[in-house]
Amino acid sequence: MTSRTQELLREALALSVQERADVAAELLASLEEPILADETAAEVAWAQEIERRARRVIAGESAGEPWDDVRERISRGLARR
């Protein structure tokens, strides 16, 4: 931590419990914006992947796999860990 950061922390710790909670909530909220952007990007990427997979199925390029087979393969893989 920089000396300025340490100074701010000392000052913040001198605040009342409610004031510290308010400051903490504001600091945490300031960190959420990049996370929301990442979540939006992930949602867009998943939508594109679903679209790509659906087109492959419609075009007859992929028949998919029965859920029971996939579930069994996943269960075996998890059991090995």
N, C-alpha and C. Protein backbone atom coordinates (compact mmCIF):
# COMPACT_ATOMS: atom_id res chain seq x y z
N MET A 1 0.83 -1.19 0.00
CA MET A 1 0.00 0.00 0.00
C MET A 1 0.87 1.24 0.00
N THR A 2 0.41 2.22 -0.71
CA THR A 2 1.13 3.50 -0.70
C THR A 2 0.87 4.21 0.63
N SER A 3 1.68 5.20 0.93
CA SER A 3 1.48 5.94 2.17
C SER A 3 0.13 6.65 2.17
N ARG A 4 -0.30 7.13 1.00
CA ARG A 4 -1.62 7.78 0.90
C ARG A 4 -2.73 6.77 1.20
N THR A 5 -2.59 5.56 0.67
CA THR A 5 -3.59 4.52 0.91
C THR A 5 -3.64 4.16 2.39
N GLN A 6 -2.48 4.05 3.01
CA GLN A 6 -2.44 3.74 4.45
C GLN A 6 -3.08 4.85 5.27
N GLU A 7 -2.83 6.09 4.87
CA GLU A 7 -3.43 7.23 5.56
C GLU A 7 -4.95 7.20 5.43
N LEU A 8 -5.44 6.93 4.22
CA LEU A 8 -6.89 6.82 4.01
C LEU A 8 -7.49 5.70 4.84
N LEU A 9 -6.78 4.58 4.91
CA LEU A 9 -7.27 3.44 5.69
C LEU A 9 -7.35 3.81 7.18
N ARG A 10 -6.32 4.46 7.69
CA ARG A 10 -6.34 4.88 9.11
C ARG A 10 -7.52 5.81 9.36
N GLU A 11 -7.75 6.74 8.45
CA GLU A 11 -8.87 7.66 8.61
C GLU A 11 -10.20 6.93 8.55
N ALA A 12 -10.31 6.00 7.62
CA ALA A 12 -11.55 5.24 7.48
C ALA A 12 -11.82 4.40 8.72
N LEU A 13 -10.79 3.81 9.28
CA LEU A 13 -10.97 2.98 10.47
C LEU A 13 -11.39 3.79 11.70
N ALA A 14 -11.16 5.10 11.65
CA ALA A 14 -11.56 5.97 12.76
C ALA A 14 -13.04 6.35 12.67
N LEU A 15 -13.68 6.06 11.57
CA LEU A 15 -15.09 6.38 11.39
C LEU A 15 -15.97 5.47 12.25
N SER A 16 -17.23 5.87 12.38
CA SER A 16 -18.18 5.03 13.11
C SER A 16 -18.46 3.77 12.29
N VAL A 17 -19.07 2.80 12.93
CA VAL A 17 -19.39 1.55 12.23
C VAL A 17 -20.26 1.82 11.02
N GLN A 18 -21.27 2.66 11.15
CA GLN A 18 -22.17 2.96 10.03
C GLN A 18 -21.42 3.66 8.90
N GLU A 19 -20.56 4.61 9.26
CA GLU A 19 -19.79 5.32 8.23
C GLU A 19 -18.83 4.37 7.51
N ARG A 20 -18.20 3.47 8.26
CA ARG A 20 -17.30 2.49 7.63
C ARG A 20 -18.08 1.58 6.70
N ALA A 21 -19.28 1.18 7.13
CA ALA A 21 -20.11 0.33 6.27
C ALA A 21 -20.49 1.06 4.99
N ASP A 22 -20.82 2.34 5.11
CA ASP A 22 -21.17 3.13 3.93
C ASP A 22 -19.98 3.24 2.97
N VAL A 23 -18.81 3.52 3.53
CA VAL A 23 -17.60 3.63 2.69
C VAL A 23 -17.30 2.29 2.03
N ALA A 24 -17.40 1.22 2.81
CA ALA A 24 -17.14 -0.12 2.26
C ALA A 24 -18.11 -0.45 1.13
N ALA A 25 -19.38 -0.12 1.33
CA ALA A 25 -20.39 -0.39 0.29
C ALA A 25 -20.08 0.39 -0.98
N GLU A 26 -19.68 1.64 -0.83
CA GLU A 26 -19.34 2.46 -2.01
C GLU A 26 -18.11 1.91 -2.73
N LEU A 27 -17.11 1.49 -1.95
CA LEU A 27 -15.91 0.92 -2.57
C LEU A 27 -16.23 -0.37 -3.32
N LEU A 28 -17.04 -1.23 -2.70
CA LEU A 28 -17.42 -2.48 -3.36
C LEU A 28 -18.24 -2.21 -4.61
N ALA A 29 -19.14 -1.26 -4.53
CA ALA A 29 -19.96 -0.93 -5.70
C ALA A 29 -19.09 -0.42 -6.85
N SER A 30 -18.01 0.28 -6.51
CA SER A 30 -17.13 0.79 -7.56
C SER A 30 -16.39 -0.33 -8.28
N LEU A 31 -16.30 -1.49 -7.65
CA LEU A 31 -15.63 -2.64 -8.27
C LEU A 31 -16.57 -3.45 -9.14
N GLU A 32 -17.86 -3.26 -9.02
CA GLU A 32 -18.84 -4.07 -9.74
C GLU A 32 -18.95 -3.72 -11.21
N GLU A 33 -18.64 -2.51 -11.60
CA GLU A 33 -18.82 -2.11 -13.00
C GLU A 33 -18.04 -2.99 -13.97
N PRO A 34 -16.73 -3.24 -13.75
CA PRO A 34 -16.02 -4.12 -14.68
C PRO A 34 -16.57 -5.54 -14.67
N ILE A 35 -17.03 -5.99 -13.52
CA ILE A 35 -17.59 -7.33 -13.44
C ILE A 35 -18.85 -7.40 -14.30
N LEU A 36 -19.70 -6.37 -14.22
CA LEU A 36 -20.91 -6.37 -15.04
C LEU A 36 -20.57 -6.37 -16.52
N ALA A 37 -19.54 -5.63 -16.89
CA ALA A 37 -19.13 -5.61 -18.29
C ALA A 37 -18.65 -6.99 -18.71
N ASP A 38 -17.89 -7.65 -17.83
CA ASP A 38 -17.43 -9.01 -18.12
C ASP A 38 -18.60 -9.98 -18.23
N GLU A 39 -19.59 -9.82 -17.34
CA GLU A 39 -20.76 -10.69 -17.39
C GLU A 39 -21.53 -10.49 -18.69
N THR A 40 -21.67 -9.25 -19.11
CA THR A 40 -22.36 -8.96 -20.36
C THR A 40 -21.61 -9.58 -21.53
N ALA A 41 -20.30 -9.45 -21.53
CA ALA A 41 -19.48 -10.04 -22.59
C ALA A 41 -19.64 -11.56 -22.59
N ALA A 42 -19.68 -12.15 -21.41
CA ALA A 42 -19.85 -13.60 -21.31
C ALA A 42 -21.22 -14.02 -21.84
N GLU A 43 -22.26 -13.26 -21.50
CA GLU A 43 -23.60 -13.58 -21.99
C GLU A 43 -23.66 -13.49 -23.51
N VAL A 44 -23.03 -12.48 -24.07
CA VAL A 44 -23.01 -12.33 -25.53
C VAL A 44 -22.26 -13.51 -26.16
N ALA A 45 -21.12 -13.87 -25.56
CA ALA A 45 -20.34 -14.99 -26.10
C ALA A 45 -21.14 -16.29 -26.03
N TRP A 46 -21.85 -16.51 -24.92
CA TRP A 46 -22.67 -17.73 -24.82
C TRP A 46 -23.80 -17.73 -25.84
N ALA A 47 -24.42 -16.59 -26.03
CA ALA A 47 -25.51 -16.50 -27.02
C ALA A 47 -24.97 -16.82 -28.42
N GLN A 48 -23.79 -16.32 -28.73
CA GLN A 48 -23.18 -16.61 -30.03
C GLN A 48 -22.85 -18.10 -30.16
N GLU A 49 -22.35 -18.70 -29.09
CA GLU A 49 -22.01 -20.12 -29.12
C GLU A 49 -23.27 -20.97 -29.28
N ILE A 50 -24.33 -20.62 -28.59
CA ILE A 50 -25.59 -21.35 -28.71
C ILE A 50 -26.12 -21.25 -30.14
N GLU A 51 -26.04 -20.05 -30.70
CA GLU A 51 -26.47 -19.84 -32.09
C GLU A 51 -25.65 -20.71 -33.05
N ARG A 52 -24.32 -20.73 -32.84
CA ARG A 52 -23.43 -21.53 -33.69
C ARG A 52 -23.79 -23.01 -33.61
N ARG A 53 -24.01 -23.49 -32.40
CA ARG A 53 -24.34 -24.90 -32.21
C ARG A 53 -25.70 -25.24 -32.83
N ALA A 54 -26.67 -24.34 -32.65
CA ALA A 54 -27.99 -24.58 -33.22
C ALA A 54 -27.92 -24.66 -34.74
N ARG A 55 -27.14 -23.78 -35.35
CA ARG A 55 -26.99 -23.80 -36.81
C ARG A 55 -26.35 -25.11 -37.28
N ARG A 56 -25.38 -25.63 -36.53
CA ARG A 56 -24.75 -26.90 -36.90
C ARG A 56 -25.76 -28.04 -36.84
N VAL A 57 -26.62 -28.03 -35.82
CA VAL A 57 -27.64 -29.08 -35.71
C VAL A 57 -28.64 -28.96 -36.85
N ILE A 58 -29.11 -27.76 -37.12
CA ILE A 58 -30.08 -27.54 -38.19
C ILE A 58 -29.50 -27.95 -39.55
N ALA A 59 -28.21 -27.70 -39.75
CA ALA A 59 -27.55 -28.03 -41.02
C ALA A 59 -27.20 -29.52 -41.11
N GLY A 60 -27.47 -30.27 -40.02
CA GLY A 60 -27.15 -31.69 -40.03
C GLY A 60 -25.68 -31.99 -39.81
N GLU A 61 -24.91 -31.02 -39.37
CA GLU A 61 -23.49 -31.21 -39.13
C GLU A 61 -23.21 -31.83 -37.77
N SER A 62 -24.18 -31.78 -36.88
CA SER A 62 -24.01 -32.31 -35.53
C SER A 62 -25.33 -32.90 -35.06
N ALA A 63 -25.28 -34.14 -34.65
CA ALA A 63 -26.49 -34.80 -34.16
C ALA A 63 -26.64 -34.64 -32.66
N GLY A 64 -25.58 -34.17 -32.00
CA GLY A 64 -25.63 -34.05 -30.55
C GLY A 64 -25.45 -35.40 -29.89
N GLU A 65 -25.59 -35.42 -28.58
CA GLU A 65 -25.45 -36.65 -27.80
C GLU A 65 -26.62 -36.76 -26.83
N PRO A 66 -27.08 -37.96 -26.57
CA PRO A 66 -28.15 -38.12 -25.57
C PRO A 66 -27.67 -37.66 -24.19
N TRP A 67 -28.55 -36.99 -23.46
CA TRP A 67 -28.20 -36.48 -22.14
C TRP A 67 -27.72 -37.58 -21.22
N ASP A 68 -28.33 -38.73 -21.24
CA ASP A 68 -27.90 -39.82 -20.35
C ASP A 68 -26.44 -40.19 -20.60
N ASP A 69 -26.02 -40.21 -21.86
CA ASP A 69 -24.63 -40.53 -22.18
C ASP A 69 -23.69 -39.44 -21.67
N VAL A 70 -24.07 -38.21 -21.87
CA VAL A 70 -23.24 -37.09 -21.43
C VAL A 70 -23.14 -37.08 -19.90
N ARG A 71 -24.27 -37.26 -19.23
CA ARG A 71 -24.28 -37.28 -17.76
C ARG A 71 -23.39 -38.39 -17.23
N GLU A 72 -23.45 -39.56 -17.84
CA GLU A 72 -22.62 -40.69 -17.41
C GLU A 72 -21.14 -40.38 -17.60
N ARG A 73 -20.78 -39.79 -18.73
CA ARG A 73 -19.39 -39.44 -19.00
C ARG A 73 -18.89 -38.40 -17.98
N ILE A 74 -19.71 -37.43 -17.67
CA ILE A 74 -19.34 -36.42 -16.68
C ILE A 74 -19.18 -37.07 -15.31
N SER A 75 -20.10 -37.93 -14.93
CA SER A 75 -20.03 -38.60 -13.63
C SER A 75 -18.75 -39.42 -13.51
N ARG A 76 -18.41 -40.15 -14.58
CA ARG A 76 -17.16 -40.95 -14.53
C ARG A 76 -15.95 -40.04 -14.38
N GLY A 77 -15.95 -38.92 -15.11
CA GLY A 77 -14.84 -37.98 -15.01
C GLY A 77 -14.70 -37.38 -13.61
N LEU A 78 -15.82 -37.06 -13.00
CA LEU A 78 -15.79 -36.50 -11.65
C LEU A 78 -15.37 -37.55 -10.63
N ALA A 79 -15.74 -38.79 -10.84
CA ALA A 79 -15.41 -39.86 -9.90
C ALA A 79 -13.89 -40.13 -9.88
N ARG A 80 -13.21 -39.83 -10.98
CA ARG A 80 -11.76 -40.05 -11.05
C ARG A 80 -10.97 -39.02 -10.27
N ARG A 81 -11.57 -37.92 -9.95
CA ARG A 81 -10.85 -36.84 -9.26
C ARG A 81 -10.71 -37.08 -7.80
